Amino acid sequence: MPSNPVAETVASLMPRAKAELTELVAFKSVADFGQFPRSESEGAANWVAGALRAEGFQDVALLDTPDGTQSVYGFLPGPEGARTVLLYAHYDVQPPLDEAGWETPPFELTERNGRWYGRGAADCKGGLVMHLLALRALKANGGVPVAVKVIAEGSEEQGTGGLERYAEQHPELLDADAIVIGDAGNFRAGVPTVTTALRGMTLVRVQVDTLEGNLHSGQFGGAAPDALGALIRVLDSLRAEDGSTTVDGLTGTSRWDGLQYDEAQFRKDAKVLDGVGLIGSGTVADRIWARPAVTVLGIDCPPVVGATPSVQASARALVSLRVPAGVDAAGATKLLRAHLEAHTPWGARVSTEQTGQGQAFRADTTSPAYAAMAQAMSAAYDGAEMQYAGQGGSIPLCSTLGSLYPRAEILLIGLSEPEAQIHAVNESVSPDELERLAVAEALFLRNYAAN
């Protein structure tokens, strides 16, 4: 990284950043209070509030959102007439999953092979530390040239929409000229990237019932309708022979015109087993950023161990459908439910229930904020050109903010490059990425104020 005062300041602050991330990762802040103590999330929220107060933020508050969680807000005044920038991250995390699969404890930040491991290290407690680093670097080099709002969400991973509903009820709170969402990631480490499109999503629970109760498969099998077999037929109808998603009425031929994803590299990143083919058609970028994708997240049925010779009377599954920008998530939900109901065989009774939903997002890359970020990214990454990529996941708040503040320029950056393995065991963050992106964010704020 070329020597400049901001970069030098961020480099000097990295030991403090590691110490702070260690403290944050230690909170088991999973917003599933049936499985994890609420006190862990409250502790993380109070940590964020304390950090904002220490940096001179005003009006710092823990906001009680409609889903029963807390988001943390703070405001840092800027010079007279300065633009306002909203910085976003979330302090809640995914569950650790298989703790035995972690090489080091998931809630203890551990350095190994040049990376820092721990749940939330990249997604997205590292994003909070990134924001703090950027602001501290500016304060040490002439001051923060814009007014800054920070919002740290407490339930992003649960998809329960608490902050979206709160923002709709208090539309003035998060109003800003530009919004930096620190919850995305570079295409890969060392490649400066802004995410310009997010797929929307819907979750639907489907239940199939065929009998009043389970029956002996030897006595009744072959004529009695098997609910689990019917459900399998329904789920199979959601894919074409090549694995492409097929939901009646939903188009799946859009193309991605930005950064492309090499198929061999994707296989490596996704850890696809040798000899196993990828699914779908078109380029990898088409498939993961520009087209719908269905995933069966879970099935309720008897486990293999302890199973009895029975024809199953009932079975249910949870189905996720990701949809690209331009496709209304509510409309996609209706199409998915109608498809599941229409493709249930044998006259079996079927019921569907929507359990989650989020709209897709596409950014306006022609805005002044993108030019300011391109300059900042290039400076932070040794002259490398900023790339535009999509993201297959969803951040429902982006669409809410876009609707509430249509004039605001929204940019998505962050620490979740492929090696980070977010949502999986052994999640980690690259300290080099944290350092460079903090520099980029600081320079962006300076550039944006000057434009």
Foldseek 3Di string as FASTA:
>chain_A
DDDDLLLVLLVVCLVVLVVLLQVLLLQQQAPPCVVHPLVSLVVNLVSLLVLCVVLVWPPWDFDQFPVRHTKTKTKAAAPPPFFEEEEEAASHFFHQPPQVPFPDGQSGFDDDPQWTWHTCCFRPVLSSSLQVSLQVSQCVPPHQHHMYMYMYDRHQVVQPCRVLVVCVVVVVRRAGQAYEYAGDAAQAPLAAEWEFKEWKKWKKKKKWFQDPFKDQCVVCNPPRDFAVVLQVQLVVVQADPQGDGDQPPFDFDDDDDFDADDPVVVCVLVVPDPPDDDGDDDGPQSRQAPGKHKDWPDKDDDDPVPDHNIRGRMIMTMMMMIHIAPDFFVVVVVSNQVSSVVRRPDPIDMDMDIDHIAHMGGFDCVDPLVVLLQVLLCVLSVNRGYTYGHGNHDRRVRVSNCVSHVSYGYIYYTFPHSVQPGPHHGGIGRSSSSSSSSSSVSSSSVSVRVD
